[in-house]
Protein backbone atom coordinates (compact mmCIF):
# COMPACT_ATOMS: atom_id res chain seq x y z
CA MET A 1 74.35 -42.94 -92.53
CA THR A 2 71.44 -40.82 -92.57
CA SER A 3 71.82 -37.11 -91.90
CA SER A 4 69.02 -35.22 -90.30
CA THR A 5 68.47 -31.58 -91.00
CA HIS A 6 67.15 -29.43 -88.12
CA HIS A 7 65.02 -26.51 -89.15
CA TYR A 8 64.82 -23.57 -86.76
CA ALA A 9 61.22 -22.39 -86.27
CA ARG A 10 60.19 -19.64 -83.80
CA PHE A 11 57.19 -17.42 -83.45
CA ILE A 12 58.36 -13.83 -83.41
CA PRO A 13 56.33 -11.47 -81.23
CA SER A 14 55.38 -8.17 -82.80
CA GLU A 15 57.33 -6.33 -80.15
CA GLU A 16 60.62 -7.71 -81.54
CA ILE A 17 59.93 -6.70 -85.18
CA ASP A 18 61.43 -3.44 -86.39
CA ALA A 19 58.81 -1.63 -88.41
CA GLN A 20 61.48 0.15 -90.52
CA SER A 21 63.33 -2.97 -91.62
CA VAL A 22 60.32 -5.17 -92.26
CA ARG A 23 57.70 -4.52 -94.89
CA HIS A 24 54.40 -6.19 -94.73
CA TRP A 25 53.94 -8.58 -97.61
CA GLN A 26 50.74 -8.46 -99.53
CA PHE A 27 49.42 -11.06 -101.83
CA GLY A 28 49.08 -8.65 -104.64
CA ASP A 29 52.78 -7.83 -104.61
CA VAL A 30 53.64 -10.98 -106.60
CA GLN A 31 51.09 -10.42 -109.25
CA LYS A 32 51.95 -6.78 -109.55
CA SER A 33 55.55 -7.54 -110.09
CA ALA A 34 56.51 -7.24 -113.70
CA PRO A 35 57.17 -10.48 -115.50
CA GLY A 36 60.77 -11.28 -115.61
CA ALA A 37 61.54 -8.74 -112.97
CA ALA A 38 64.54 -9.60 -111.01
CA LEU A 39 64.07 -10.63 -107.41
CA GLN A 40 65.71 -8.72 -104.60
CA PRO A 41 69.04 -10.17 -103.71
CA LEU A 42 68.96 -12.51 -100.78
CA HIS A 43 71.59 -10.61 -98.86
CA GLU A 44 69.44 -7.49 -99.00
CA LEU A 45 66.55 -9.24 -97.40
CA ALA A 46 66.14 -9.24 -93.68
CA THR A 47 67.70 -12.31 -92.29
CA LEU A 48 66.21 -14.28 -89.45
CA THR A 49 68.99 -13.22 -87.21
CA ASP A 50 68.01 -9.60 -87.73
CA LEU A 51 64.62 -10.43 -86.37
CA LEU A 52 65.99 -12.04 -83.21
CA PRO A 53 66.44 -9.96 -80.02
CA PRO A 54 69.87 -8.57 -79.44
CA PRO A 55 72.18 -10.72 -77.43
CA ALA A 56 72.58 -10.07 -73.75
CA PRO A 57 75.17 -7.41 -73.02
CA GLN A 58 78.51 -8.58 -71.81
CA GLY A 59 81.16 -7.09 -69.47
CA ILE A 60 80.69 -3.49 -68.28
CA ALA A 61 77.24 -3.17 -69.82
CA ALA A 62 76.04 -6.24 -67.94
CA GLN A 63 77.45 -4.91 -64.69
CA ALA A 64 75.74 -1.53 -65.23
CA LEU A 65 72.45 -3.20 -65.89
CA ALA A 66 72.83 -5.30 -62.75
CA GLU A 67 73.63 -2.23 -60.68
CA ASP A 68 70.62 -0.43 -62.16
CA ALA A 69 68.47 -3.40 -61.24
CA VAL A 70 69.82 -3.37 -57.66
CA VAL A 71 69.24 0.38 -57.40
CA ALA A 72 65.72 0.01 -58.74
CA GLU A 73 65.08 -2.81 -56.30
CA GLU A 74 66.45 -0.72 -53.42
CA GLU A 75 64.36 2.24 -54.52
CA ASN A 76 61.31 0.01 -54.59
CA ALA A 77 62.18 -1.30 -51.13
CA VAL A 78 62.67 2.24 -49.83
CA GLN A 79 59.37 3.30 -51.36
CA LEU A 80 57.65 0.30 -49.87
CA ARG A 81 59.26 1.08 -46.52
CA GLU A 82 58.17 4.71 -46.76
CA GLU A 83 54.66 3.65 -47.59
CA GLU A 84 54.71 1.20 -44.69
CA VAL A 85 56.03 3.87 -42.30
CA HIS A 86 53.46 6.34 -43.62
CA ALA A 87 50.73 3.77 -43.09
CA GLN A 88 51.99 3.10 -39.57
CA LEU A 89 52.13 6.82 -38.82
CA GLU A 90 48.65 7.30 -40.22
CA GLN A 91 47.41 4.38 -38.13
CA ALA A 92 49.14 5.77 -35.03
CA ARG A 93 47.67 9.23 -35.72
CA GLN A 94 44.21 7.74 -36.15
CA GLU A 95 44.59 5.66 -33.01
CA SER A 96 45.81 8.71 -31.10
CA HIS A 97 42.91 10.73 -32.47
CA ASP A 98 40.46 8.02 -31.50
CA ALA A 99 42.03 7.61 -28.07
CA GLY A 100 42.03 11.37 -27.50
CA TYR A 101 38.46 11.62 -28.68
CA GLU A 102 37.41 8.78 -26.40
CA ALA A 103 39.34 10.26 -23.47
CA GLY A 104 37.83 13.64 -24.18
CA MET A 105 34.38 12.13 -24.33
CA GLN A 106 34.94 10.30 -21.05
CA ALA A 107 36.46 13.36 -19.41
CA GLY A 108 33.65 15.55 -20.72
CA HIS A 109 31.10 13.02 -19.55
CA GLY A 110 32.73 12.83 -16.12
CA LEU A 111 33.01 16.62 -15.88
CA GLY A 112 29.45 17.07 -17.03
CA LEU A 113 28.28 14.44 -14.54
CA GLU A 114 30.18 16.13 -11.70
CA GLU A 115 28.86 19.54 -12.67
CA GLY A 116 25.38 18.05 -12.88
CA LYS A 117 25.77 16.59 -9.41
CA GLN A 118 27.01 19.89 -8.02
CA GLN A 119 24.23 21.81 -9.73
CA ALA A 120 21.62 19.33 -8.51
CA GLY A 121 23.08 19.51 -4.98
CA ALA A 122 23.06 23.30 -5.01
CA GLU A 123 19.51 23.38 -6.33
CA TRP A 124 18.39 20.88 -3.69
CA GLN A 125 20.12 22.89 -0.95
CA HIS A 126 18.49 26.07 -2.22
CA ARG A 127 15.07 24.44 -2.21
CA PHE A 128 15.70 22.99 1.24
CA ASP A 129 16.74 26.40 2.57
CA ASP A 130 13.63 27.96 1.06
CA TYR A 131 11.48 25.21 2.54
CA MET A 132 13.07 25.57 5.98
CA ALA A 133 12.76 29.36 5.81
CA GLN A 134 9.10 29.04 4.86
CA GLN A 135 8.53 26.47 7.59
CA GLY A 136 10.38 28.73 10.03
CA ARG A 137 8.22 31.70 9.08
CA GLN A 138 5.07 29.64 9.42
CA ALA A 139 6.24 28.24 12.77
CA ALA A 140 7.13 31.74 13.98
CA GLU A 141 3.74 33.06 12.89
CA GLN A 142 1.98 30.18 14.61
CA LEU A 143 4.08 30.66 17.75
CA GLN A 144 3.35 34.38 17.72
CA ALA A 145 -0.36 33.68 17.39
CA LEU A 146 -0.19 31.18 20.26
CA LEU A 147 1.70 33.65 22.45
CA GLN A 148 -0.79 36.39 21.71
CA ALA A 149 -3.68 34.05 22.45
CA ALA A 150 -1.98 32.88 25.66
CA GLN A 151 -1.33 36.49 26.66
CA ARG A 152 -4.98 37.36 26.11
CA ASP A 153 -6.00 34.29 28.09
CA VAL A 154 -3.62 35.20 30.90
CA GLN A 155 -4.87 38.77 30.94
CA GLY A 156 -8.45 37.58 30.99
CA MET A 157 -7.58 35.08 33.69
CA GLN A 158 -5.84 37.75 35.71
CA GLN A 159 -8.80 40.07 35.40
CA HIS A 160 -11.11 37.26 36.34
CA MET A 161 -8.94 35.98 39.16
CA ALA A 162 -7.72 39.33 40.51
CA PRO A 163 -10.68 39.90 42.83
CA ASP A 164 -10.46 36.35 44.12
CA VAL A 165 -6.72 36.64 44.65
CA LEU A 166 -7.10 39.94 46.45
CA GLN A 167 -9.90 38.53 48.58
CA LEU A 168 -7.65 35.63 49.47
CA ALA A 169 -4.83 38.03 50.31
CA CYS A 170 -7.17 40.07 52.49
CA ASP A 171 -8.36 37.01 54.34
CA ILE A 172 -4.81 35.89 54.93
CA ALA A 173 -3.75 39.36 56.09
CA ARG A 174 -6.69 39.60 58.45
CA GLN A 175 -5.82 36.30 60.07
CA VAL A 176 -2.17 37.28 60.37
CA VAL A 177 -3.02 40.59 62.06
CA ARG A 178 -5.41 38.95 64.49
CA GLN A 179 -2.85 36.32 65.36
CA GLU A 180 -0.24 39.04 65.85
CA LEU A 181 -2.53 40.99 68.21
CA ARG A 182 -3.26 37.94 70.30
CA SER A 183 0.34 36.85 70.56
CA ASN A 184 1.89 40.33 70.84
CA PRO A 185 -0.25 42.92 72.62
CA GLN A 186 2.47 45.52 72.25
CA ALA A 187 1.67 45.65 68.50
CA LEU A 188 -0.84 48.33 69.55
CA LEU A 189 1.89 50.70 70.75
CA PRO A 190 2.80 52.04 67.26
CA VAL A 191 -0.91 52.63 66.60
CA VAL A 192 -1.26 54.83 69.70
CA ARG A 193 1.90 56.75 68.88
CA GLU A 194 0.74 57.35 65.27
CA ALA A 195 -2.66 58.59 66.48
CA LEU A 196 -1.05 61.04 68.96
CA ASP A 197 1.28 62.31 66.24
CA MET A 198 -1.66 62.94 63.92
CA MET A 199 -3.39 65.02 66.61
CA SER A 200 -0.20 66.85 67.66
CA ALA A 201 -1.31 66.11 71.17
CA GLU A 202 2.13 66.36 72.68
CA SER A 203 1.58 70.02 73.56
CA LYS A 204 -2.15 70.06 74.34
CA PRO A 205 -4.55 67.91 76.35
CA ALA A 206 -5.58 64.59 74.76
CA THR A 207 -7.58 61.58 75.82
CA VAL A 208 -6.59 58.05 74.76
CA ARG A 209 -9.24 55.31 75.08
CA LEU A 210 -8.21 51.63 75.08
CA ASN A 211 -9.90 48.33 75.79
CA PRO A 212 -9.44 47.45 79.50
CA GLN A 213 -7.49 44.31 78.64
CA ASP A 214 -5.14 46.25 76.38
CA TRP A 215 -4.73 48.99 79.00
CA GLU A 216 -3.87 46.46 81.65
CA ARG A 217 -1.13 44.95 79.49
CA LEU A 218 0.16 48.22 77.98
CA GLN A 219 -0.22 50.68 80.85
CA GLU A 220 3.40 50.81 81.88
CA PRO A 221 4.99 50.91 78.38
CA LEU A 222 2.48 53.60 77.30
CA LYS A 223 3.18 55.88 80.25
CA ALA A 224 6.91 55.32 79.79
CA ALA A 225 6.69 56.22 76.10
CA HIS A 226 4.36 59.23 76.70
CA PRO A 227 5.03 60.74 80.15
CA GLN A 228 3.24 64.02 79.33
CA PRO A 229 0.76 64.94 82.10
CA LYS A 230 -1.69 66.39 79.54
CA ILE A 231 -2.49 62.93 78.18
CA GLU A 232 -5.39 61.17 79.91
CA TRP A 233 -5.44 57.36 79.68
CA LEU A 234 -8.86 55.74 79.91
CA ALA A 235 -9.85 52.04 79.96
CA ASP A 236 -13.12 52.01 78.01
CA ALA A 237 -15.07 48.76 77.69
CA SER A 238 -16.85 50.15 74.60
CA VAL A 239 -13.52 50.04 72.78
CA LYS A 240 -12.85 46.67 71.20
CA PRO A 241 -9.57 44.83 71.79
CA GLY A 242 -6.90 46.13 69.49
CA ASP A 243 -8.72 49.44 68.95
CA CYS A 244 -7.54 52.90 69.94
CA LEU A 245 -9.41 56.23 70.02
CA VAL A 246 -7.61 59.57 70.51
CA GLU A 247 -9.55 62.81 71.19
CA SER A 248 -8.06 66.28 71.38
CA ALA A 249 -9.63 69.74 71.09
CA GLY A 250 -12.88 68.35 69.71
CA ALA A 251 -11.15 66.20 67.07
CA GLN A 252 -10.95 62.41 67.07
CA VAL A 253 -8.63 59.90 65.47
CA ASP A 254 -10.21 56.48 64.96
CA GLY A 255 -7.44 53.96 65.43
CA SER A 256 -9.75 50.99 65.45
CA LEU A 257 -8.87 47.84 63.57
CA GLU A 258 -11.88 48.37 61.35
CA ARG A 259 -10.70 51.78 60.14
CA ARG A 260 -7.12 50.70 59.82
CA TRP A 261 -8.16 47.68 57.79
CA GLN A 262 -10.34 49.69 55.45
CA ARG A 263 -7.54 52.15 54.78
CA ALA A 264 -5.17 49.27 54.04
CA VAL A 265 -7.44 47.50 51.53
CA ALA A 266 -8.52 50.81 50.01
CA ALA A 267 -4.94 51.21 48.77
CA LEU A 268 -5.60 48.04 46.74
CA GLY A 269 -8.85 49.43 45.34
CA LEU A 270 -10.96 47.18 47.55
CA VAL A 271 -13.62 47.57 50.16
CA SER A 272 -13.62 45.08 53.00
CA THR A 273 -14.65 44.88 56.62
CA TRP A 274 -12.56 43.64 59.46
CA TYR A 275 -14.92 41.92 61.87
CA ASP A 276 -17.55 40.17 59.80
CA GLY A 277 -15.09 38.86 57.21
CA ALA A 278 -17.26 39.98 54.30
CA PRO A 279 -15.67 39.40 50.89
CA ALA A 280 -13.64 42.30 49.56
CA HIS A 281 -14.85 43.95 46.36
CA GLY A 282 -13.78 46.77 44.11
CA GLN A 283 -14.77 50.30 44.93
């Protein structure tokens, strides 16, 4: 039966070697040893078991090490959790900052845009008001100039047309009076009464000359209106129809249509005749 011998061989890391119990061997140590010197006893040399790592702790020590490992693992987990929470908080803070910045930018942009619109609207309204005011002033000035020109034209037209208008009025008045005398012979009665009043002939002798046709139509109303015996009524063919002549104490009142007409148009600043219908003109 063959017996096999097992040799234990293991590479020892430097971390497991105790520097105090192991001395580095040098090649010169053998030669330097004195001849015949005794070798160090084997039991004083470091055995291989001394160089091996200590055995794993047993019992309470093992339990303590396990608990320390659990605690260390929990501490690592807590630290990792804290770092994760810190990272999440930092991310949330950054996101909030970015969101707030973006919202602020949008709000500022919107506010600036609104303010810009309001400012532009106000500026446009101000310019429009200025433009309308300027246009209004120009329109008012133009209107004033037109009114002044129209007024001058009207005044010139009035001055130019006044004589013609007055002439037309005189012609119309002449025709109206003539028509009145033909249709109403008694229109001569107020003329006779006015002439007698001007001469104060009620208390002294007076002579009234009328056209025979007028005397024939007005004889009775005249004598009824003036019954004084000092008044002498004469039908004179030299007196034109519608005329009246009153004489008293050497004075005479010409109540003819010609004289009455001239006095009437003279009040208008005109000179016009009654019978020939000559155009009226300024004095």
